[in-house]
Amino acid sequence: MTSLTITPGRPLQGTISVPGDKSITHRAVIMTALANGVSRVESYCRGEDCLNTVRAFQALGIRIDESVGELLVHGKGFWGLTEPNGPIDCGNSGTGIRLLTGLLAGQDFFTVLTGDESIRRRPMGRIVKPLREMGANIAGRKGGELAPLAVKGGHLHAITYRSPVASAQIKSALLLAALFAEGTTSITEPRLSRDHTERMFQFFGIPFRRDGTTLLLDGRPSVGWHAAPRLVVPGDFSSAAFFIVGATIVPGSDVTIQQVGINPTRTGLLDVMTRMGADIQLLNRREEAGEPVADVRVKSAKLHGVTIGPDLIPQTIDEFPILCVAAAVAEGETIISGAEELRVKESDRIATMSAELRAMGAQITETPDGMVVQGLGTAEGNGRLQAAHGQSHGDHRVAMSLAIAGLTASAPTLIGETACVETSFPDFHRRLLALVGECK
């Protein structure tokens, strides 16, 4: 078990970058593997989650040359995957296992997908059920509700599916399966979830139609798509979020985060933080691989509580832990509702963040679908949390959020079980130290 000690006292100042977007990296590997020819994927995320997806496609017969700055993916075309020699380990990645299940449902071979202890607890029935309706043969623990999943792909047919939750993982798994299905698949969400898969389809020229929150995709394209000579992955907004909140709540801070993806289906945190009083500027706006990108400059600012309802949850789902930290030090009350999906992430993030921040002196009342936070701030400025010995609960976003919370404490904070940070942001501690002037 590794741990992390955070020593408060200095503002965050300087310019940094963050790892390539985790969600986009997964999709870039998938789409380039199915393309015809060699694709170059630059600035990809080197966290364990994405590296496990790379290894999965290597096991499926795709040559992928890895270096620190780029992947060279030797795509074998729409039907080029081959049966692996053994089970595929997706590690801690819910995105990896769910998207691979959708993709492999349309293949004519057998695959077993598994992951770590956390993944084996997370719900898989939400994708297994509609994929079975499409004709896939999928077995798993508890009738397919839990991994490992045994996928015997085959002849798929289109379905009309109305998802009970707004989930990019469900939508993306079904879109990938729909590519291999006969007919037109219709997928409807209650609210728009992240649209990285749709943008990646557009980047590779795969046609689909949108009608409100419904997507329509004609399966079995007669011609595959060509390799991408250069696909640049934007910086991960979810990784940038820790520094956005940190620079806001630590007095005297001024931080610029370069080349951050600002996809509007991901950036609910910017809307919430701005409503809370944050000082955030988006500079040098541009586009990479069909995704909007900008440099994000953040200066310290006094925050006040707000109400966050179900309409904003899909755009802030991964930023919830760090948003809790902002609410804890703000002045006034923050109410979060409609976030029950957070109970089935890497940890029960409602329970873990409530417990860990209460141990640091925060005033939090947990509810079934969110929480009520009585912020510690006053009219004079943001509040300060207490030093504590926190635990990540095996959740990388909880670990990094507690590190930022520790910057506001009056004494060093120790966070245990931080090896999980490797899944998305292996360099987090060093970059944080650089911003507080302790690492050059």
Protein backbone atom coordinates (compact mmCIF):
# COMPACT_ATOMS: atom_id res chain seq x y z
CA MET A 1 0.00 0.00 0.00
CA THR A 2 1.35 3.47 -0.90
CA SER A 3 0.40 6.73 0.74
CA LEU A 4 0.57 10.44 0.01
CA THR A 5 1.38 13.28 2.41
CA ILE A 6 0.10 16.76 1.56
CA THR A 7 1.72 19.74 3.26
CA PRO A 8 -0.34 22.94 3.05
CA GLY A 9 0.84 26.54 3.18
CA ARG A 10 1.74 27.62 -0.35
CA PRO A 11 -0.39 28.86 -3.25
CA LEU A 12 -0.55 26.99 -6.55
CA GLN A 13 1.23 28.94 -9.26
CA GLY A 14 2.49 28.12 -12.74
CA THR A 15 1.61 26.40 -16.00
CA ILE A 16 1.12 22.66 -16.33
CA SER A 17 -0.39 20.04 -18.59
CA VAL A 18 -2.46 17.01 -17.60
CA PRO A 19 -2.59 13.48 -19.06
CA GLY A 20 -4.47 12.83 -22.26
CA ASP A 21 -8.18 12.31 -21.82
CA LYS A 22 -8.87 8.83 -20.49
CA SER A 23 -12.29 8.47 -22.10
CA ILE A 24 -11.04 9.63 -25.50
CA THR A 25 -7.92 7.43 -25.33
CA HIS A 26 -10.06 4.30 -24.85
CA ARG A 27 -12.14 5.24 -27.89
CA ALA A 28 -9.12 6.23 -29.99
CA VAL A 29 -7.54 2.80 -29.44
CA ILE A 30 -10.79 1.04 -30.35
CA MET A 31 -11.46 3.03 -33.51
CA THR A 32 -7.90 2.95 -34.82
CA ALA A 33 -7.75 -0.83 -34.25
CA LEU A 34 -10.83 -1.19 -36.48
CA ALA A 35 -9.47 1.20 -39.12
CA ASN A 36 -7.58 0.18 -42.23
CA GLY A 37 -3.90 1.08 -41.87
CA VAL A 38 -1.55 2.65 -39.32
CA SER A 39 -2.85 5.42 -37.06
CA ARG A 40 -0.79 7.73 -34.86
CA VAL A 41 -2.42 8.52 -31.48
CA GLU A 42 -0.55 11.37 -29.77
CA SER A 43 -0.74 12.65 -26.16
CA TYR A 44 -2.68 9.58 -25.06
CA CYS A 45 -3.38 8.78 -21.41
CA ARG A 46 -0.74 6.46 -19.97
CA GLY A 47 -2.78 5.57 -16.89
CA GLU A 48 -3.29 1.88 -16.16
CA ASP A 49 -6.91 1.97 -17.32
CA CYS A 50 -5.94 2.95 -20.85
CA LEU A 51 -2.86 0.73 -20.95
CA ASN A 52 -5.14 -2.20 -20.13
CA THR A 53 -7.25 -1.34 -23.18
CA VAL A 54 -4.08 -1.22 -25.28
CA ARG A 55 -3.11 -4.68 -23.98
CA ALA A 56 -6.62 -5.94 -24.69
CA PHE A 57 -6.31 -5.07 -28.37
CA GLN A 58 -2.84 -6.54 -28.55
CA ALA A 59 -4.41 -9.75 -27.23
CA LEU A 60 -7.06 -9.41 -29.96
CA GLY A 61 -4.37 -9.49 -32.65
CA ILE A 62 -3.69 -5.77 -33.15
CA ARG A 63 -0.10 -4.58 -33.27
CA ILE A 64 0.30 -1.43 -31.16
CA ASP A 65 3.73 0.18 -30.78
CA GLU A 66 3.97 2.17 -27.55
CA SER A 67 6.20 5.12 -26.70
CA VAL A 68 5.82 7.81 -24.05
CA GLY A 69 4.30 10.35 -26.42
CA GLU A 70 2.33 8.28 -28.91
CA LEU A 71 0.80 4.99 -29.98
CA LEU A 72 1.17 3.53 -33.45
CA VAL A 73 -1.90 1.37 -34.00
CA HIS A 74 -1.76 -1.03 -36.93
CA GLY A 75 -5.46 -1.32 -37.70
CA LYS A 76 -6.68 -4.49 -39.40
CA GLY A 77 -10.06 -3.27 -40.60
CA PHE A 78 -13.65 -3.74 -39.55
CA TRP A 79 -13.44 -7.55 -39.23
CA GLY A 80 -9.75 -7.85 -38.33
CA LEU A 81 -9.87 -8.83 -34.65
CA THR A 82 -8.98 -12.42 -33.68
CA GLU A 83 -9.84 -14.62 -30.72
CA PRO A 84 -7.49 -14.07 -27.74
CA ASN A 85 -5.55 -16.92 -26.15
CA GLY A 86 -6.85 -16.22 -22.67
CA PRO A 87 -9.05 -13.92 -20.56
CA ILE A 88 -8.66 -10.17 -21.07
CA ASP A 89 -8.02 -8.18 -17.87
CA CYS A 90 -9.52 -4.68 -18.01
CA GLY A 91 -8.08 -3.75 -14.61
CA ASN A 92 -10.05 -0.96 -12.91
CA SER A 93 -11.69 0.42 -16.06
CA GLY A 94 -15.46 0.42 -16.29
CA THR A 95 -15.18 2.15 -19.66
CA GLY A 96 -12.78 -0.49 -20.95
CA ILE A 97 -14.81 -3.55 -19.97
CA ARG A 98 -18.18 -2.12 -21.03
CA LEU A 99 -17.04 -0.80 -24.41
CA LEU A 100 -15.15 -4.01 -25.14
CA THR A 101 -18.25 -6.06 -24.28
CA GLY A 102 -20.24 -4.08 -26.85
CA LEU A 103 -17.56 -4.41 -29.50
CA LEU A 104 -16.94 -8.12 -28.94
CA ALA A 105 -20.66 -8.90 -28.99
CA GLY A 106 -20.45 -8.51 -32.76
CA GLN A 107 -17.37 -10.71 -33.27
CA ASP A 108 -17.57 -14.36 -34.32
CA PHE A 109 -15.35 -15.69 -31.52
CA PHE A 110 -15.27 -16.25 -27.76
CA THR A 111 -13.78 -13.85 -25.20
CA VAL A 112 -13.69 -13.63 -21.42
CA LEU A 113 -13.49 -10.12 -19.93
CA THR A 114 -12.59 -9.54 -16.30
CA GLY A 115 -11.06 -6.86 -14.08
CA ASP A 116 -9.95 -6.06 -10.56
CA GLU A 117 -12.04 -6.46 -7.41
CA SER A 118 -13.76 -3.11 -7.95
CA ILE A 119 -14.76 -3.96 -11.53
CA ARG A 120 -16.09 -7.34 -10.42
CA ARG A 121 -18.51 -5.50 -8.09
CA ARG A 122 -19.80 -2.99 -10.64
CA PRO A 123 -23.11 -3.52 -12.49
CA MET A 124 -22.81 -5.06 -15.95
CA GLY A 125 -26.44 -6.02 -16.47
CA ARG A 126 -27.17 -2.55 -17.83
CA ILE A 127 -25.17 -3.42 -20.98
CA VAL A 128 -25.62 -7.19 -20.99
CA LYS A 129 -29.43 -6.99 -21.19
CA PRO A 130 -29.66 -4.84 -24.36
CA LEU A 131 -26.75 -6.69 -25.99
CA ARG A 132 -28.56 -9.97 -25.43
CA GLU A 133 -31.63 -8.39 -27.07
CA MET A 134 -29.41 -7.74 -30.10
CA GLY A 135 -28.53 -11.43 -30.25
CA ALA A 136 -25.28 -11.59 -28.29
CA ASN A 137 -24.53 -14.63 -26.12
CA ILE A 138 -23.12 -13.25 -22.85
CA ALA A 139 -22.72 -15.15 -19.58
CA GLY A 140 -21.46 -13.85 -16.27
CA ARG A 141 -21.80 -14.02 -12.52
CA LYS A 142 -25.33 -13.50 -11.18
CA GLY A 143 -26.82 -14.11 -14.60
CA GLY A 144 -24.58 -11.57 -16.31
CA GLU A 145 -24.97 -8.83 -13.71
CA LEU A 146 -21.31 -9.06 -12.67
CA ALA A 147 -17.93 -9.72 -14.31
CA PRO A 148 -16.18 -11.84 -15.40
CA LEU A 149 -18.22 -11.84 -18.61
CA ALA A 150 -17.97 -14.58 -21.22
CA VAL A 151 -18.86 -13.14 -24.63
CA LYS A 152 -19.66 -15.37 -27.58
CA GLY A 153 -20.19 -12.90 -30.37
CA GLY A 154 -22.26 -13.57 -33.39
CA HIS A 155 -24.94 -12.30 -35.71
CA LEU A 156 -26.49 -9.17 -34.21
CA HIS A 157 -29.67 -7.39 -35.19
CA ALA A 158 -30.71 -3.80 -34.55
CA ILE A 159 -32.91 -2.87 -31.59
CA THR A 160 -34.74 0.19 -30.31
CA TYR A 161 -33.45 0.82 -26.79
CA ARG A 162 -34.46 3.41 -24.21
CA SER A 163 -31.77 3.63 -21.52
CA PRO A 164 -33.04 4.18 -17.96
CA VAL A 165 -29.94 6.31 -17.15
CA ALA A 166 -27.83 8.85 -19.01
CA SER A 167 -24.62 6.85 -19.37
CA ALA A 168 -21.94 7.28 -22.02
CA GLN A 169 -20.67 3.77 -21.26
CA ILE A 170 -24.05 2.17 -21.99
CA LYS A 171 -24.58 4.30 -25.10
CA SER A 172 -21.07 3.64 -26.40
CA ALA A 173 -21.23 -0.12 -25.82
CA LEU A 174 -24.46 -0.28 -27.83
CA LEU A 175 -23.12 1.99 -30.59
CA LEU A 176 -20.09 -0.27 -31.04
CA ALA A 177 -22.32 -3.34 -31.16
CA ALA A 178 -24.66 -1.54 -33.58
CA LEU A 179 -21.80 -1.18 -36.07
CA PHE A 180 -21.92 -4.97 -36.51
CA ALA A 181 -25.72 -5.35 -36.39
CA GLU A 182 -28.11 -5.68 -39.30
CA GLY A 183 -30.60 -2.82 -39.47
CA THR A 184 -30.85 0.57 -37.79
CA THR A 185 -30.25 0.69 -34.05
CA SER A 186 -32.00 3.41 -32.03
CA ILE A 187 -30.64 4.45 -28.61
CA THR A 188 -32.49 7.01 -26.46
CA GLU A 189 -31.20 8.53 -23.20
CA PRO A 190 -33.16 10.46 -20.57
CA ARG A 191 -30.54 13.24 -20.84
CA LEU A 192 -27.54 13.73 -23.09
CA SER A 193 -24.46 11.95 -21.72
CA ARG A 194 -20.87 12.45 -22.86
CA ASP A 195 -20.63 12.40 -26.64
CA HIS A 196 -17.00 11.32 -27.15
CA THR A 197 -18.02 8.22 -29.11
CA GLU A 198 -20.21 10.23 -31.48
CA ARG A 199 -17.42 12.74 -32.04
CA MET A 200 -14.96 9.92 -32.70
CA PHE A 201 -17.40 8.38 -35.20
CA GLN A 202 -17.60 11.75 -36.97
CA PHE A 203 -13.80 12.06 -36.99
CA PHE A 204 -13.56 8.70 -38.78
CA GLY A 205 -16.47 9.46 -41.10
CA ILE A 206 -18.97 6.96 -39.66
CA PRO A 207 -22.51 8.24 -40.36
CA PHE A 208 -25.23 8.38 -37.72
CA ARG A 209 -28.26 10.57 -37.04
CA ARG A 210 -29.35 12.41 -33.89
CA ASP A 211 -32.89 13.37 -32.95
CA GLY A 212 -32.84 15.06 -29.55
CA THR A 213 -31.47 12.47 -27.12
CA THR A 214 -31.96 9.64 -29.64
CA LEU A 215 -29.16 8.26 -31.81
CA LEU A 216 -29.79 6.24 -34.97
CA LEU A 217 -27.01 4.13 -36.49
CA ASP A 218 -27.17 1.94 -39.61
CA GLY A 219 -25.15 -1.21 -39.00
CA ARG A 220 -22.64 -3.12 -41.10
CA PRO A 221 -21.12 -0.30 -43.14
CA SER A 222 -20.12 -1.68 -46.54
CA VAL A 223 -16.73 0.00 -46.39
CA GLY A 224 -14.58 0.41 -43.29
CA TRP A 225 -12.78 3.59 -42.33
CA HIS A 226 -9.24 4.68 -42.99
CA ALA A 227 -6.51 5.13 -40.42
CA ALA A 228 -5.96 8.53 -38.80
CA PRO A 229 -2.52 9.89 -39.80
CA ARG A 230 -2.55 11.97 -36.60
CA LEU A 231 -5.07 11.87 -33.76
CA VAL A 232 -4.19 14.19 -30.87
CA VAL A 233 -5.92 13.38 -27.57
CA PRO A 234 -6.87 16.51 -25.58
CA GLY A 235 -5.85 16.88 -21.94
CA ASP A 236 -8.28 15.16 -19.57
CA PHE A 237 -10.76 17.64 -18.09
CA SER A 238 -11.39 15.31 -15.16
CA SER A 239 -7.67 15.44 -14.30
CA ALA A 240 -7.59 19.22 -14.77
CA ALA A 241 -10.55 19.53 -12.39
CA PHE A 242 -8.35 18.85 -9.34
CA PHE A 243 -6.12 21.81 -10.17
CA ILE A 244 -9.09 24.01 -11.12
CA VAL A 245 -10.58 23.52 -7.67
CA GLY A 246 -7.20 23.63 -5.92
CA ALA A 247 -6.23 26.95 -7.50
CA THR A 248 -9.65 28.37 -6.63
CA ILE A 249 -9.67 27.47 -2.93
CA VAL A 250 -6.02 28.12 -2.02
CA PRO A 251 -5.42 31.89 -1.54
CA GLY A 252 -2.91 33.55 -3.87
CA SER A 253 -3.11 30.87 -6.56
CA ASP A 254 -2.86 31.46 -10.32
CA VAL A 255 -2.63 28.36 -12.53
CA THR A 256 -2.85 27.76 -16.28
CA ILE A 257 -3.58 24.22 -17.51
CA GLN A 258 -2.70 23.75 -21.17
CA GLN A 259 -4.58 21.88 -23.92
CA VAL A 260 -7.59 20.77 -21.87
CA GLY A 261 -10.60 19.17 -23.53
CA ILE A 262 -13.67 21.35 -22.94
CA ASN A 263 -16.35 19.13 -24.45
CA PRO A 264 -19.64 20.65 -23.18
CA THR A 265 -20.93 17.21 -22.15
CA ARG A 266 -17.96 17.00 -19.74
CA THR A 267 -17.52 20.49 -18.33
CA GLY A 268 -20.38 20.83 -15.88
CA LEU A 269 -17.77 21.59 -13.22
CA LEU A 270 -16.92 24.85 -15.01
CA ASP A 271 -20.58 25.90 -14.90
CA VAL A 272 -20.94 24.96 -11.24
CA MET A 273 -17.67 26.57 -10.15
CA THR A 274 -18.50 29.77 -12.04
CA ARG A 275 -21.89 29.91 -10.30
CA MET A 276 -20.04 29.43 -6.99
CA GLY A 277 -17.85 32.48 -7.75
CA ALA A 278 -14.72 30.94 -9.30
CA ASP A 279 -12.40 33.00 -11.52
CA ILE A 280 -11.88 30.79 -14.61
CA GLN A 281 -10.85 31.84 -18.12
CA LEU A 282 -10.76 29.71 -21.27
CA LEU A 283 -7.93 30.86 -23.55
CA ASN A 284 -6.65 29.85 -27.00
CA ARG A 285 -9.74 27.85 -27.99
CA ARG A 286 -9.25 25.34 -30.79
CA GLU A 287 -10.19 21.79 -31.90
CA GLU A 288 -8.36 18.44 -31.83
CA ALA A 289 -9.79 15.18 -33.26
CA GLY A 290 -13.27 16.70 -33.31
CA GLU A 291 -13.05 17.82 -29.67
CA PRO A 292 -13.00 21.45 -28.42
CA VAL A 293 -9.79 22.34 -26.56
CA ALA A 294 -8.59 25.38 -24.58
CA ASP A 295 -6.02 26.53 -22.05
CA VAL A 296 -7.70 27.00 -18.65
CA ARG A 297 -6.50 29.81 -16.37
CA VAL A 298 -7.72 29.78 -12.76
CA LYS A 299 -7.15 32.32 -9.99
CA SER A 300 -8.12 31.98 -6.35
CA ALA A 301 -11.61 33.20 -5.50
CA LYS A 302 -14.15 33.13 -2.69
CA LEU A 303 -16.87 30.52 -3.22
CA HIS A 304 -20.49 30.29 -2.10
CA GLY A 305 -22.84 27.32 -2.04
CA VAL A 306 -25.20 26.40 -4.89
CA THR A 307 -27.85 23.83 -5.76
CA ILE A 308 -26.82 21.08 -8.23
CA GLY A 309 -29.74 19.09 -9.61
CA PRO A 310 -30.11 16.00 -11.82
CA ASP A 311 -29.77 18.04 -15.04
CA LEU A 312 -26.10 18.76 -14.29
CA ILE A 313 -25.04 15.34 -12.97
CA PRO A 314 -24.17 13.72 -16.35
CA GLN A 315 -21.75 16.59 -17.09
CA THR A 316 -20.15 16.44 -13.62
CA ILE A 317 -20.28 12.72 -12.85
CA ASP A 318 -16.50 12.19 -12.58
CA GLU A 319 -15.87 15.57 -10.93
CA PHE A 320 -18.24 14.93 -8.03
CA PRO A 321 -15.48 14.08 -5.49
CA ILE A 322 -13.50 17.27 -6.11
CA LEU A 323 -16.70 19.32 -6.31
CA CYS A 324 -17.48 18.11 -2.78
CA VAL A 325 -14.19 19.65 -1.64
CA ALA A 326 -15.15 23.01 -3.16
CA ALA A 327 -18.55 22.84 -1.46
CA ALA A 328 -16.96 21.98 1.91
CA VAL A 329 -14.88 25.18 2.03
CA ALA A 330 -17.44 27.51 0.39
CA GLU A 331 -19.70 29.87 2.28
CA GLY A 332 -23.27 28.64 2.66
CA GLU A 333 -25.13 25.50 1.69
CA THR A 334 -24.58 23.28 -1.35
CA ILE A 335 -27.28 20.73 -2.22
CA ILE A 336 -26.49 17.90 -4.66
CA SER A 337 -29.30 15.62 -5.87
CA GLY A 338 -29.96 13.13 -8.66
CA ALA A 339 -26.49 11.61 -8.31
CA GLU A 340 -27.40 8.03 -7.31
CA GLU A 341 -25.20 6.73 -10.18
CA LEU A 342 -22.21 7.71 -8.03
CA ARG A 343 -22.94 4.82 -5.68
CA VAL A 344 -21.76 2.33 -8.33
CA LYS A 345 -18.48 3.92 -9.43
CA GLU A 346 -15.00 2.77 -8.32
CA SER A 347 -16.34 3.32 -4.81
CA ASP A 348 -19.66 4.57 -3.47
CA ARG A 349 -18.52 8.14 -3.99
CA ILE A 350 -21.40 9.67 -2.05
CA ALA A 351 -20.56 7.60 1.03
CA THR A 352 -16.77 7.80 0.74
CA MET A 353 -16.57 11.57 0.17
CA SER A 354 -19.10 12.24 2.92
CA ALA A 355 -17.14 10.15 5.41
CA GLU A 356 -13.68 11.39 4.46
CA LEU A 357 -14.57 15.08 4.42
CA ARG A 358 -16.47 14.80 7.71
CA ALA A 359 -13.24 13.42 9.19
CA MET A 360 -11.61 16.66 8.01
CA GLY A 361 -14.23 18.78 9.77
CA ALA A 362 -16.74 19.27 6.95
CA GLN A 363 -20.46 19.41 7.74
CA ILE A 364 -22.13 16.95 5.34
CA THR A 365 -25.48 15.17 5.42
CA GLU A 366 -25.62 12.21 3.07
CA THR A 367 -28.85 11.57 1.12
CA PRO A 368 -29.81 8.57 -1.06
CA ASP A 369 -28.99 10.46 -4.28
CA GLY A 370 -26.50 13.08 -3.13
CA MET A 371 -25.64 15.23 -0.12
CA VAL A 372 -26.20 18.53 1.64
CA VAL A 373 -22.98 20.40 2.51
CA GLN A 374 -22.85 23.24 5.02
CA GLY A 375 -19.73 25.03 3.83
CA LEU A 376 -17.08 26.22 6.28
CA GLY A 377 -16.53 29.55 4.48
CA THR A 378 -17.43 32.98 5.84
CA ALA A 379 -17.98 36.45 4.42
CA GLU A 380 -14.21 36.95 4.68
CA GLY A 381 -13.22 33.96 2.56
CA ASN A 382 -13.18 30.21 2.02
CA GLY A 383 -13.02 27.91 5.02
CA ARG A 384 -10.24 25.53 5.98
CA LEU A 385 -10.50 21.82 6.57
CA GLN A 386 -8.66 19.92 9.31
CA ALA A 387 -5.68 17.66 8.80
CA ALA A 388 -6.62 14.00 8.92
CA HIS A 389 -5.52 10.49 8.00
CA GLY A 390 -7.72 9.82 4.98
CA GLN A 391 -8.32 6.71 2.86
CA SER A 392 -8.90 6.51 -0.88
CA HIS A 393 -11.13 3.40 -0.66
CA GLY A 394 -9.32 2.24 -3.80
CA ASP A 395 -10.81 5.14 -5.81
CA HIS A 396 -8.34 7.32 -7.73
CA ARG A 397 -10.65 10.35 -7.82
CA VAL A 398 -11.27 10.17 -4.07
CA ALA A 399 -7.51 10.01 -3.44
CA MET A 400 -6.74 13.07 -5.56
CA SER A 401 -9.69 15.02 -4.15
CA LEU A 402 -8.47 14.42 -0.61
CA ALA A 403 -5.02 15.64 -1.67
CA ILE A 404 -6.53 18.94 -2.82
CA ALA A 405 -8.60 19.14 0.36
CA GLY A 406 -5.38 18.76 2.33
CA LEU A 407 -4.02 21.95 0.78
CA THR A 408 -6.50 23.93 2.91
CA ALA A 409 -5.61 22.23 6.21
CA SER A 410 -3.49 23.72 8.99
CA ALA A 411 -1.18 20.69 9.18
CA PRO A 412 -0.04 17.86 6.86
CA THR A 413 -2.68 15.37 5.69
CA LEU A 414 -1.86 11.70 5.09
CA ILE A 415 -3.87 9.78 2.49
CA GLY A 416 -3.59 5.99 2.42
CA GLU A 417 -4.07 3.51 -0.42
CA THR A 418 -3.04 5.92 -3.19
CA ALA A 419 -1.68 3.36 -5.66
CA CYS A 420 -5.08 3.64 -7.39
CA VAL A 421 -4.05 7.07 -8.73
CA GLU A 422 -1.99 5.18 -11.33
CA THR A 423 -5.20 4.21 -13.13
CA SER A 424 -5.67 7.73 -14.51
CA PHE A 425 -2.95 10.19 -13.40
CA PRO A 426 0.41 8.54 -12.60
CA ASP A 427 2.19 11.91 -12.37
CA PHE A 428 -0.35 13.68 -10.14
CA HIS A 429 1.79 14.20 -7.04
CA ARG A 430 4.80 15.53 -8.94
CA ARG A 431 2.70 18.04 -10.88
CA LEU A 432 1.00 19.19 -7.70
CA LEU A 433 4.37 19.67 -6.00
CA ALA A 434 5.56 21.69 -9.01
CA LEU A 435 2.64 24.09 -8.63
CA VAL A 436 3.36 24.70 -4.93
CA GLY A 437 7.05 25.24 -5.64
CA GLU A 438 8.36 22.04 -4.09
CA CYS A 439 9.39 20.29 -7.31
CA LYS A 440 11.16 21.85 -10.30
